[in-house]
N, C-alpha and C. Protein backbone atom coordinates (compact mmCIF):
# COMPACT_ATOMS: atom_id res chain seq x y z
N MET A 1 -17.28 70.56 -31.25
CA MET A 1 -17.81 69.71 -30.22
C MET A 1 -17.76 68.26 -30.68
N GLU A 2 -17.38 67.36 -29.78
CA GLU A 2 -17.30 65.94 -30.12
C GLU A 2 -18.65 65.28 -29.90
N GLN A 3 -18.96 64.29 -30.73
CA GLN A 3 -20.20 63.53 -30.59
C GLN A 3 -19.86 62.14 -30.08
N THR A 4 -20.63 61.65 -29.11
CA THR A 4 -20.47 60.29 -28.61
C THR A 4 -21.83 59.61 -28.67
N GLN A 5 -21.84 58.34 -28.30
CA GLN A 5 -23.10 57.61 -28.28
C GLN A 5 -24.04 58.17 -27.22
N ALA A 6 -23.52 58.66 -26.11
CA ALA A 6 -24.34 59.18 -25.02
C ALA A 6 -24.88 60.57 -25.32
N GLY A 7 -24.35 61.27 -26.30
CA GLY A 7 -24.80 62.62 -26.61
C GLY A 7 -23.61 63.52 -26.86
N SER A 8 -23.82 64.80 -26.67
CA SER A 8 -22.74 65.73 -26.94
C SER A 8 -21.98 66.06 -25.66
N ILE A 9 -20.68 66.26 -25.80
CA ILE A 9 -19.83 66.64 -24.68
C ILE A 9 -19.42 68.09 -24.89
N PRO A 10 -19.63 68.95 -23.89
CA PRO A 10 -19.25 70.35 -24.06
C PRO A 10 -17.75 70.48 -24.27
N SER A 11 -17.36 71.34 -25.21
CA SER A 11 -15.94 71.48 -25.52
C SER A 11 -15.30 72.63 -24.76
N SER A 12 -16.09 73.42 -24.04
CA SER A 12 -15.49 74.52 -23.31
C SER A 12 -16.24 74.77 -22.00
N VAL A 13 -15.58 75.50 -21.14
CA VAL A 13 -16.17 75.83 -19.85
C VAL A 13 -17.39 76.72 -20.05
N GLN A 14 -17.38 77.58 -21.08
CA GLN A 14 -18.51 78.47 -21.33
C GLN A 14 -19.78 77.67 -21.65
N GLU A 15 -19.63 76.57 -22.37
CA GLU A 15 -20.79 75.75 -22.70
C GLU A 15 -21.35 75.09 -21.43
N VAL A 16 -20.46 74.67 -20.54
CA VAL A 16 -20.91 74.07 -19.29
C VAL A 16 -21.64 75.10 -18.46
N ARG A 17 -21.10 76.31 -18.39
CA ARG A 17 -21.76 77.39 -17.64
C ARG A 17 -23.11 77.73 -18.25
N ALA A 18 -23.19 77.75 -19.58
CA ALA A 18 -24.44 78.07 -20.24
C ALA A 18 -25.49 77.01 -19.92
N ARG A 19 -25.07 75.76 -19.91
CA ARG A 19 -26.02 74.70 -19.55
C ARG A 19 -26.45 74.83 -18.10
N GLY A 20 -25.54 75.19 -17.22
CA GLY A 20 -25.88 75.40 -15.82
C GLY A 20 -26.85 76.55 -15.65
N ASP A 21 -26.63 77.63 -16.41
CA ASP A 21 -27.54 78.77 -16.36
C ASP A 21 -28.92 78.39 -16.87
N ALA A 22 -28.96 77.60 -17.94
CA ALA A 22 -30.25 77.16 -18.48
C ALA A 22 -30.96 76.27 -17.47
N PHE A 23 -30.21 75.41 -16.80
CA PHE A 23 -30.81 74.55 -15.78
C PHE A 23 -31.37 75.38 -14.63
N GLU A 24 -30.61 76.37 -14.19
CA GLU A 24 -31.08 77.23 -13.09
C GLU A 24 -32.34 77.99 -13.50
N ALA A 25 -32.39 78.47 -14.73
CA ALA A 25 -33.58 79.18 -15.21
C ALA A 25 -34.78 78.25 -15.26
N ALA A 26 -34.56 77.03 -15.73
CA ALA A 26 -35.65 76.06 -15.79
C ALA A 26 -36.12 75.70 -14.38
N LEU A 27 -35.20 75.56 -13.45
CA LEU A 27 -35.54 75.24 -12.07
C LEU A 27 -36.33 76.39 -11.45
N GLU A 28 -35.96 77.62 -11.75
CA GLU A 28 -36.70 78.77 -11.23
C GLU A 28 -38.12 78.80 -11.79
N ARG A 29 -38.28 78.55 -13.08
CA ARG A 29 -39.63 78.51 -13.68
C ARG A 29 -40.46 77.38 -13.06
N PHE A 30 -39.83 76.24 -12.82
CA PHE A 30 -40.53 75.12 -12.20
C PHE A 30 -41.00 75.49 -10.80
N ASN A 31 -40.13 76.13 -10.01
CA ASN A 31 -40.50 76.52 -8.66
C ASN A 31 -41.63 77.55 -8.66
N GLU A 32 -41.62 78.47 -9.63
CA GLU A 32 -42.70 79.45 -9.75
C GLU A 32 -44.02 78.74 -10.09
N SER A 33 -43.96 77.78 -10.99
CA SER A 33 -45.16 77.02 -11.35
C SER A 33 -45.67 76.23 -10.16
N LEU A 34 -44.77 75.62 -9.43
CA LEU A 34 -45.14 74.85 -8.26
C LEU A 34 -45.79 75.74 -7.21
N ALA A 35 -45.29 76.94 -7.04
CA ALA A 35 -45.89 77.88 -6.08
C ALA A 35 -47.30 78.24 -6.52
N GLY A 36 -47.53 78.41 -7.82
CA GLY A 36 -48.87 78.70 -8.32
C GLY A 36 -49.82 77.54 -8.08
N VAL A 37 -49.35 76.33 -8.30
CA VAL A 37 -50.19 75.14 -8.07
C VAL A 37 -50.52 75.03 -6.59
N ARG A 38 -49.54 75.28 -5.73
CA ARG A 38 -49.80 75.23 -4.28
C ARG A 38 -50.86 76.25 -3.89
N GLU A 39 -50.78 77.45 -4.45
CA GLU A 39 -51.74 78.50 -4.14
C GLU A 39 -53.15 78.10 -4.58
N GLN A 40 -53.26 77.52 -5.78
CA GLN A 40 -54.57 77.07 -6.27
C GLN A 40 -55.11 75.94 -5.40
N ALA A 41 -54.26 75.02 -4.99
CA ALA A 41 -54.69 73.92 -4.13
C ALA A 41 -55.16 74.45 -2.78
N LYS A 42 -54.47 75.46 -2.28
CA LYS A 42 -54.85 76.06 -1.01
C LYS A 42 -56.25 76.69 -1.11
N HIS A 43 -56.51 77.41 -2.22
CA HIS A 43 -57.82 78.01 -2.42
C HIS A 43 -58.91 76.94 -2.58
N ALA A 44 -58.60 75.88 -3.31
CA ALA A 44 -59.58 74.80 -3.50
C ALA A 44 -59.90 74.12 -2.17
N ALA A 45 -58.89 73.89 -1.35
CA ALA A 45 -59.11 73.26 -0.05
C ALA A 45 -59.95 74.18 0.85
N GLN A 46 -59.69 75.48 0.81
CA GLN A 46 -60.47 76.43 1.60
C GLN A 46 -61.93 76.45 1.14
N TYR A 47 -62.13 76.41 -0.18
CA TYR A 47 -63.49 76.39 -0.73
C TYR A 47 -64.22 75.12 -0.29
N ALA A 48 -63.54 73.98 -0.37
CA ALA A 48 -64.17 72.72 0.04
C ALA A 48 -64.49 72.75 1.53
N ASP A 49 -63.59 73.28 2.34
CA ASP A 49 -63.83 73.37 3.78
C ASP A 49 -65.04 74.26 4.08
N ASP A 50 -65.12 75.39 3.40
CA ASP A 50 -66.26 76.28 3.59
C ASP A 50 -67.57 75.61 3.18
N ALA A 51 -67.54 74.91 2.05
CA ALA A 51 -68.76 74.23 1.58
C ALA A 51 -69.22 73.17 2.56
N VAL A 52 -68.28 72.41 3.12
CA VAL A 52 -68.63 71.37 4.08
C VAL A 52 -69.16 72.00 5.37
N GLN A 53 -68.54 73.10 5.80
CA GLN A 53 -69.00 73.77 7.02
C GLN A 53 -70.41 74.33 6.87
N LYS A 54 -70.73 74.84 5.67
CA LYS A 54 -72.05 75.43 5.44
C LYS A 54 -73.13 74.37 5.21
N ASN A 55 -72.78 73.24 4.64
CA ASN A 55 -73.74 72.18 4.29
C ASN A 55 -73.24 70.82 4.74
N PRO A 56 -73.19 70.56 6.03
CA PRO A 56 -72.59 69.29 6.47
C PRO A 56 -73.39 68.07 6.04
N TRP A 57 -74.72 68.13 6.07
CA TRP A 57 -75.51 66.95 5.71
C TRP A 57 -75.46 66.68 4.22
N THR A 58 -75.38 67.71 3.43
CA THR A 58 -75.22 67.52 1.98
C THR A 58 -73.89 66.83 1.70
N SER A 59 -72.85 67.26 2.42
CA SER A 59 -71.53 66.64 2.26
C SER A 59 -71.55 65.17 2.65
N VAL A 60 -72.26 64.85 3.75
CA VAL A 60 -72.37 63.46 4.18
C VAL A 60 -73.10 62.64 3.12
N GLY A 61 -74.17 63.20 2.57
CA GLY A 61 -74.93 62.50 1.53
C GLY A 61 -74.11 62.26 0.28
N ILE A 62 -73.35 63.26 -0.13
CA ILE A 62 -72.50 63.10 -1.32
C ILE A 62 -71.43 62.04 -1.06
N GLY A 63 -70.82 62.08 0.12
CA GLY A 63 -69.82 61.06 0.47
C GLY A 63 -70.40 59.67 0.48
N PHE A 64 -71.62 59.54 1.03
CA PHE A 64 -72.30 58.24 1.05
C PHE A 64 -72.57 57.75 -0.37
N GLY A 65 -73.07 58.65 -1.22
CA GLY A 65 -73.37 58.27 -2.61
C GLY A 65 -72.14 57.83 -3.37
N ILE A 66 -71.06 58.55 -3.19
CA ILE A 66 -69.81 58.18 -3.86
C ILE A 66 -69.33 56.82 -3.34
N GLY A 67 -69.46 56.60 -2.03
CA GLY A 67 -69.06 55.31 -1.45
C GLY A 67 -69.87 54.15 -2.00
N VAL A 68 -71.18 54.36 -2.18
CA VAL A 68 -72.04 53.31 -2.74
C VAL A 68 -71.63 53.00 -4.18
N VAL A 69 -71.39 54.04 -4.96
CA VAL A 69 -71.01 53.83 -6.37
C VAL A 69 -69.67 53.10 -6.46
N VAL A 70 -68.68 53.55 -5.68
CA VAL A 70 -67.36 52.90 -5.72
C VAL A 70 -67.47 51.45 -5.23
N GLY A 71 -68.23 51.23 -4.17
CA GLY A 71 -68.42 49.86 -3.68
C GLY A 71 -69.09 48.97 -4.70
N ALA A 72 -70.09 49.50 -5.41
CA ALA A 72 -70.77 48.71 -6.44
C ALA A 72 -69.81 48.37 -7.59
N LEU A 73 -68.99 49.34 -7.98
CA LEU A 73 -68.02 49.08 -9.05
C LEU A 73 -67.00 48.02 -8.63
N ILE A 74 -66.55 48.09 -7.40
CA ILE A 74 -65.60 47.09 -6.91
C ILE A 74 -66.25 45.72 -6.85
N ALA A 75 -67.50 45.66 -6.38
CA ALA A 75 -68.21 44.37 -6.32
C ALA A 75 -68.42 43.79 -7.70
N MET A 76 -68.76 44.63 -8.66
CA MET A 76 -68.95 44.14 -10.04
C MET A 76 -67.64 43.66 -10.63
N ALA A 77 -66.56 44.38 -10.36
CA ALA A 77 -65.25 43.97 -10.89
C ALA A 77 -64.81 42.65 -10.25
N ALA A 78 -65.03 42.50 -8.96
CA ALA A 78 -64.65 41.26 -8.28
C ALA A 78 -65.53 40.10 -8.75
N GLY A 79 -66.81 40.35 -8.99
CA GLY A 79 -67.71 39.30 -9.45
C GLY A 79 -67.41 38.84 -10.85
N SER A 80 -66.93 39.74 -11.70
CA SER A 80 -66.65 39.35 -13.07
C SER A 80 -65.34 38.57 -13.20
N ARG A 81 -64.49 38.64 -12.19
CA ARG A 81 -63.20 37.93 -12.24
C ARG A 81 -63.28 36.52 -11.72
N THR A 82 -64.32 36.20 -10.98
CA THR A 82 -64.44 34.85 -10.46
C THR A 82 -64.97 33.94 -11.55
N THR A 83 -64.44 32.74 -11.59
CA THR A 83 -64.92 31.78 -12.57
C THR A 83 -65.89 30.83 -11.89
N ARG A 84 -66.93 30.51 -12.58
CA ARG A 84 -67.95 29.64 -12.01
C ARG A 84 -67.91 28.29 -12.72
N VAL A 85 -67.89 27.26 -11.92
CA VAL A 85 -67.89 25.91 -12.46
C VAL A 85 -69.29 25.34 -12.33
N LEU A 86 -69.83 24.80 -13.40
CA LEU A 86 -71.18 24.24 -13.37
C LEU A 86 -71.16 22.79 -13.03
């Protein structure tokens, strides 16, 4: 096999096929992992939907609290960036 600055160049068709097979196997594993992540996200979304349906006012309160905290952090960050001239 020849070596170049860009990396190795396959010297035969079998090496190219082997790399293609390895790529296809990696792509299949990736797709299986992605399907698992999608399934977990689907279950998490269903759980969140059920929790909100069962406790709507608790959900509103939590959302309000998170909004207050994020707003306070943004206000503090904006206030610390302004320069004051005396």
